[in-house]
Amino acid sequence: PNKMNVTLLHGAKAWLSDPNHPNFAAAARATEKVYGLLPDYTREGGSIPITTAFEEATQMNVCLLPVGACDDMAHSQNEKYNKKNLVNGVKVLGLYLHELGELKGPK
């Protein structure tokens, strides 16, 4: 039979956050204002292990905002990024911070 040895050279804990948290609602409102559509929750960000570290260190909810496109080919040799996405990402961030400021109670 064929055999193979596997060695883990790099790894991190998976990140999973509560999409019902007010932080996500603020981000959804900001995204809708910029793009005219409610966001899809796609559970991406697995290649960004710092998100788990931030949540654990701060005991706060972390939310990744949409600034890329599904066809950006992230981490490939042909990765691209549209200028329009950069501009819209800045808009989403500004509106997200405004929406966070509107939240009542603990954040």
N, C-alpha and C. Protein backbone atom coordinates (compact mmCIF):
# COMPACT_ATOMS: atom_id res chain seq x y z
N PRO A 1 0.83 -1.20 0.00
CA PRO A 1 0.00 0.00 0.00
C PRO A 1 0.87 1.26 0.00
N ASN A 2 0.32 2.32 -0.55
CA ASN A 2 1.02 3.61 -0.56
C ASN A 2 1.02 4.20 0.85
N LYS A 3 2.10 4.88 1.17
CA LYS A 3 2.22 5.54 2.48
C LYS A 3 2.70 6.96 2.27
N MET A 4 2.34 7.81 3.23
CA MET A 4 2.74 9.20 3.15
C MET A 4 2.93 9.74 4.57
N ASN A 5 3.94 10.54 4.76
CA ASN A 5 4.16 11.22 6.03
C ASN A 5 3.79 12.69 5.84
N VAL A 6 3.06 13.25 6.79
CA VAL A 6 2.64 14.64 6.73
C VAL A 6 3.18 15.36 7.95
N THR A 7 3.77 16.52 7.73
CA THR A 7 4.28 17.34 8.82
C THR A 7 3.61 18.70 8.76
N LEU A 8 3.00 19.12 9.86
CA LEU A 8 2.37 20.43 9.93
C LEU A 8 3.45 21.48 10.14
N LEU A 9 3.61 22.37 9.16
CA LEU A 9 4.62 23.41 9.24
C LEU A 9 4.06 24.74 9.71
N HIS A 10 2.77 24.91 9.56
CA HIS A 10 2.14 26.18 9.94
C HIS A 10 0.68 25.89 10.26
N GLY A 11 0.15 26.55 11.24
CA GLY A 11 -1.25 26.34 11.57
C GLY A 11 -1.72 27.37 12.58
N ALA A 12 -3.01 27.47 12.71
CA ALA A 12 -3.62 28.39 13.66
C ALA A 12 -5.00 27.88 14.01
N LYS A 13 -5.53 28.35 15.11
CA LYS A 13 -6.89 28.00 15.49
C LYS A 13 -7.86 28.59 14.47
N ALA A 14 -8.93 27.89 14.22
CA ALA A 14 -9.97 28.41 13.35
C ALA A 14 -10.68 29.56 14.04
N TRP A 15 -11.13 30.53 13.26
CA TRP A 15 -11.86 31.67 13.81
C TRP A 15 -13.34 31.49 13.54
N LEU A 16 -14.14 31.62 14.56
CA LEU A 16 -15.59 31.56 14.43
C LEU A 16 -16.16 32.56 15.41
N SER A 17 -16.96 33.49 14.92
CA SER A 17 -17.52 34.52 15.78
C SER A 17 -19.04 34.47 15.70
N ASP A 18 -19.71 35.22 16.55
CA ASP A 18 -21.16 35.23 16.62
C ASP A 18 -21.72 36.26 15.64
N PRO A 19 -22.30 35.83 14.52
CA PRO A 19 -22.83 36.79 13.55
C PRO A 19 -24.08 37.52 14.03
N ASN A 20 -24.64 37.12 15.19
CA ASN A 20 -25.80 37.81 15.75
C ASN A 20 -25.39 38.95 16.69
N HIS A 21 -24.09 39.14 16.87
CA HIS A 21 -23.58 40.21 17.72
C HIS A 21 -23.89 41.57 17.09
N PRO A 22 -24.18 42.60 17.91
CA PRO A 22 -24.45 43.94 17.37
C PRO A 22 -23.34 44.47 16.46
N ASN A 23 -22.11 44.02 16.68
CA ASN A 23 -20.99 44.41 15.83
C ASN A 23 -21.25 44.02 14.37
N PHE A 24 -21.77 42.81 14.17
CA PHE A 24 -22.07 42.34 12.82
C PHE A 24 -23.26 43.10 12.23
N ALA A 25 -24.24 43.44 13.06
CA ALA A 25 -25.39 44.21 12.59
C ALA A 25 -24.94 45.60 12.12
N ALA A 26 -24.03 46.22 12.85
CA ALA A 26 -23.49 47.53 12.44
C ALA A 26 -22.75 47.40 11.11
N ALA A 27 -21.97 46.36 10.97
CA ALA A 27 -21.24 46.14 9.72
C ALA A 27 -22.19 45.87 8.57
N ALA A 28 -23.27 45.13 8.82
CA ALA A 28 -24.25 44.84 7.77
C ALA A 28 -24.94 46.11 7.31
N ARG A 29 -25.30 46.98 8.24
CA ARG A 29 -25.95 48.24 7.87
C ARG A 29 -25.01 49.11 7.04
N ALA A 30 -23.74 49.16 7.44
CA ALA A 30 -22.76 49.95 6.68
C ALA A 30 -22.57 49.38 5.28
N THR A 31 -22.48 48.07 5.19
CA THR A 31 -22.29 47.42 3.90
C THR A 31 -23.50 47.67 3.00
N GLU A 32 -24.69 47.57 3.55
CA GLU A 32 -25.90 47.81 2.76
C GLU A 32 -25.95 49.24 2.23
N LYS A 33 -25.52 50.20 3.06
CA LYS A 33 -25.53 51.60 2.62
C LYS A 33 -24.58 51.83 1.45
N VAL A 34 -23.45 51.14 1.43
CA VAL A 34 -22.47 51.33 0.36
C VAL A 34 -22.85 50.54 -0.89
N TYR A 35 -23.22 49.29 -0.73
CA TYR A 35 -23.45 48.41 -1.88
C TYR A 35 -24.92 48.26 -2.27
N GLY A 36 -25.83 48.72 -1.41
CA GLY A 36 -27.25 48.60 -1.71
C GLY A 36 -27.80 47.21 -1.49
N LEU A 37 -27.04 46.33 -0.89
CA LEU A 37 -27.45 44.96 -0.62
C LEU A 37 -26.97 44.55 0.76
N LEU A 38 -27.76 43.69 1.41
CA LEU A 38 -27.29 43.12 2.67
C LEU A 38 -26.16 42.14 2.37
N PRO A 39 -25.17 42.04 3.25
CA PRO A 39 -24.04 41.14 2.98
C PRO A 39 -24.42 39.68 3.16
N ASP A 40 -23.70 38.83 2.46
CA ASP A 40 -23.77 37.39 2.68
C ASP A 40 -22.71 37.05 3.73
N TYR A 41 -23.05 36.20 4.67
CA TYR A 41 -22.08 35.76 5.67
C TYR A 41 -21.43 34.49 5.15
N THR A 42 -20.19 34.61 4.69
CA THR A 42 -19.54 33.53 3.96
C THR A 42 -18.54 32.72 4.78
N ARG A 43 -18.27 33.11 6.02
CA ARG A 43 -17.31 32.41 6.88
C ARG A 43 -15.93 32.33 6.23
N GLU A 44 -15.46 33.45 5.73
CA GLU A 44 -14.11 33.54 5.19
C GLU A 44 -13.20 34.14 6.24
N GLY A 45 -11.91 34.21 5.94
CA GLY A 45 -10.95 34.78 6.86
C GLY A 45 -10.10 33.73 7.54
N GLY A 46 -10.18 32.51 7.05
CA GLY A 46 -9.39 31.43 7.64
C GLY A 46 -7.90 31.64 7.49
N SER A 47 -7.50 32.47 6.52
CA SER A 47 -6.08 32.74 6.33
C SER A 47 -5.64 33.96 7.13
N ILE A 48 -6.49 34.43 8.02
CA ILE A 48 -6.17 35.59 8.85
C ILE A 48 -6.23 35.14 10.31
N PRO A 49 -5.22 34.39 10.76
CA PRO A 49 -5.29 33.81 12.11
C PRO A 49 -5.27 34.84 13.24
N ILE A 50 -4.92 36.09 12.95
CA ILE A 50 -4.88 37.10 14.00
C ILE A 50 -6.27 37.40 14.55
N THR A 51 -7.33 37.08 13.77
CA THR A 51 -8.68 37.36 14.25
C THR A 51 -8.99 36.60 15.54
N THR A 52 -8.61 35.35 15.60
CA THR A 52 -8.81 34.56 16.82
C THR A 52 -7.98 35.14 17.97
N ALA A 53 -6.75 35.51 17.68
CA ALA A 53 -5.89 36.08 18.71
C ALA A 53 -6.48 37.39 19.25
N PHE A 54 -7.03 38.23 18.37
CA PHE A 54 -7.66 39.48 18.82
C PHE A 54 -8.86 39.20 19.72
N GLU A 55 -9.72 38.26 19.31
CA GLU A 55 -10.89 37.95 20.13
C GLU A 55 -10.48 37.41 21.49
N GLU A 56 -9.49 36.54 21.51
CA GLU A 56 -9.06 35.96 22.78
C GLU A 56 -8.39 37.00 23.67
N ALA A 57 -7.57 37.87 23.08
CA ALA A 57 -6.84 38.86 23.87
C ALA A 57 -7.75 39.96 24.41
N THR A 58 -8.74 40.36 23.63
CA THR A 58 -9.60 41.48 24.03
C THR A 58 -10.92 41.04 24.64
N GLN A 59 -11.28 39.75 24.46
CA GLN A 59 -12.60 39.25 24.88
C GLN A 59 -13.72 40.07 24.23
N MET A 60 -13.44 40.55 23.02
CA MET A 60 -14.42 41.33 22.25
C MET A 60 -14.71 40.61 20.95
N ASN A 61 -15.85 40.92 20.34
CA ASN A 61 -16.24 40.35 19.06
C ASN A 61 -15.43 40.99 17.94
N VAL A 62 -14.97 40.19 17.00
CA VAL A 62 -14.21 40.68 15.84
C VAL A 62 -15.05 40.44 14.59
N CYS A 63 -15.03 41.40 13.70
CA CYS A 63 -15.79 41.33 12.46
C CYS A 63 -14.87 41.73 11.31
N LEU A 64 -14.86 40.95 10.24
CA LEU A 64 -14.07 41.29 9.06
C LEU A 64 -14.96 42.01 8.06
N LEU A 65 -14.56 43.19 7.64
CA LEU A 65 -15.36 43.99 6.72
C LEU A 65 -15.04 43.64 5.27
N PRO A 66 -16.03 43.74 4.38
CA PRO A 66 -15.81 43.38 2.97
C PRO A 66 -15.06 44.46 2.21
N VAL A 67 -13.89 44.13 1.72
CA VAL A 67 -13.15 45.07 0.88
C VAL A 67 -12.63 44.42 -0.40
N GLY A 68 -12.75 43.14 -0.52
CA GLY A 68 -12.29 42.44 -1.71
C GLY A 68 -13.44 41.88 -2.51
N ALA A 69 -13.11 41.27 -3.62
CA ALA A 69 -14.10 40.63 -4.48
C ALA A 69 -13.82 39.13 -4.53
N CYS A 70 -14.83 38.36 -4.88
CA CYS A 70 -14.68 36.91 -4.91
C CYS A 70 -13.69 36.46 -5.98
N ASP A 71 -13.43 37.29 -6.97
CA ASP A 71 -12.51 36.91 -8.04
C ASP A 71 -11.11 37.53 -7.88
N ASP A 72 -10.77 37.99 -6.68
CA ASP A 72 -9.46 38.59 -6.45
C ASP A 72 -8.32 37.58 -6.44
N MET A 73 -8.64 36.32 -6.35
CA MET A 73 -7.63 35.24 -6.31
C MET A 73 -6.62 35.49 -5.19
N ALA A 74 -7.15 35.70 -3.99
CA ALA A 74 -6.30 36.02 -2.84
C ALA A 74 -5.18 35.01 -2.65
N HIS A 75 -4.01 35.51 -2.39
CA HIS A 75 -2.80 34.73 -2.11
C HIS A 75 -2.24 33.99 -3.32
N SER A 76 -2.77 34.24 -4.51
CA SER A 76 -2.22 33.57 -5.69
C SER A 76 -1.18 34.48 -6.36
N GLN A 77 -0.46 33.95 -7.32
CA GLN A 77 0.53 34.76 -8.03
C GLN A 77 -0.14 35.82 -8.90
N ASN A 78 -1.44 35.65 -9.18
CA ASN A 78 -2.18 36.62 -9.99
C ASN A 78 -3.21 37.39 -9.17
N GLU A 79 -2.94 37.57 -7.89
CA GLU A 79 -3.87 38.28 -7.03
C GLU A 79 -4.07 39.70 -7.56
N LYS A 80 -5.30 40.18 -7.49
CA LYS A 80 -5.61 41.54 -7.94
C LYS A 80 -6.50 42.21 -6.91
N TYR A 81 -6.62 43.50 -7.06
CA TYR A 81 -7.47 44.28 -6.17
C TYR A 81 -7.98 45.48 -6.95
N ASN A 82 -9.28 45.62 -7.06
CA ASN A 82 -9.86 46.72 -7.82
C ASN A 82 -9.86 48.01 -7.02
N LYS A 83 -9.54 49.13 -7.68
CA LYS A 83 -9.56 50.43 -6.99
C LYS A 83 -10.94 50.74 -6.42
N LYS A 84 -11.97 50.35 -7.16
CA LYS A 84 -13.34 50.60 -6.69
C LYS A 84 -13.58 49.90 -5.35
N ASN A 85 -13.03 48.70 -5.18
CA ASN A 85 -13.19 47.99 -3.91
C ASN A 85 -12.47 48.72 -2.78
N LEU A 86 -11.33 49.32 -3.07
CA LEU A 86 -10.61 50.09 -2.06
C LEU A 86 -11.45 51.29 -1.63
N VAL A 87 -11.99 52.02 -2.59
CA VAL A 87 -12.82 53.19 -2.27
C VAL A 87 -14.06 52.76 -1.49
N ASN A 88 -14.73 51.71 -1.95
CA ASN A 88 -15.92 51.25 -1.24
C ASN A 88 -15.56 50.69 0.14
N GLY A 89 -14.40 50.08 0.27
CA GLY A 89 -13.97 49.59 1.58
C GLY A 89 -13.78 50.72 2.58
N VAL A 90 -13.23 51.84 2.11
CA VAL A 90 -13.07 53.02 2.98
C VAL A 90 -14.44 53.55 3.38
N LYS A 91 -15.38 53.56 2.44
CA LYS A 91 -16.74 54.01 2.75
C LYS A 91 -17.39 53.09 3.78
N VAL A 92 -17.26 51.78 3.60
CA VAL A 92 -17.83 50.83 4.55
C VAL A 92 -17.22 51.04 5.93
N LEU A 93 -15.91 51.21 6.00
CA LEU A 93 -15.26 51.42 7.30
C LEU A 93 -15.79 52.67 7.99
N GLY A 94 -15.90 53.79 7.25
CA GLY A 94 -16.42 55.02 7.84
C GLY A 94 -17.84 54.86 8.36
N LEU A 95 -18.69 54.26 7.55
CA LEU A 95 -20.08 54.05 7.96
C LEU A 95 -20.18 53.04 9.10
N TYR A 96 -19.32 52.03 9.10
CA TYR A 96 -19.29 51.05 10.18
C TYR A 96 -18.95 51.73 11.51
N LEU A 97 -17.95 52.59 11.50
CA LEU A 97 -17.59 53.30 12.74
C LEU A 97 -18.75 54.18 13.21
N HIS A 98 -19.44 54.81 12.26
CA HIS A 98 -20.62 55.61 12.61
C HIS A 98 -21.70 54.71 13.23
N GLU A 99 -21.96 53.57 12.60
CA GLU A 99 -22.98 52.63 13.12
C GLU A 99 -22.60 52.12 14.51
N LEU A 100 -21.32 51.86 14.74
CA LEU A 100 -20.89 51.43 16.08
C LEU A 100 -21.19 52.51 17.12
N GLY A 101 -20.97 53.76 16.73
CA GLY A 101 -21.25 54.87 17.65
C GLY A 101 -22.71 55.00 17.99
N GLU A 102 -23.59 54.48 17.17
CA GLU A 102 -25.04 54.55 17.39
C GLU A 102 -25.54 53.43 18.31
N LEU A 103 -24.72 52.41 18.54
CA LEU A 103 -25.14 51.27 19.38
C LEU A 103 -25.34 51.71 20.82
N LYS A 104 -26.36 51.17 21.44
CA LYS A 104 -26.63 51.43 22.86
C LYS A 104 -26.14 50.23 23.67
N GLY A 105 -25.68 50.49 24.87
CA GLY A 105 -25.27 49.41 25.76
C GLY A 105 -23.83 48.98 25.49
N PRO A 106 -23.41 47.86 26.10
CA PRO A 106 -22.03 47.40 25.94
C PRO A 106 -21.75 47.00 24.51
N LYS A 107 -20.53 47.23 24.09
CA LYS A 107 -20.14 46.93 22.71
C LYS A 107 -19.09 45.85 22.67
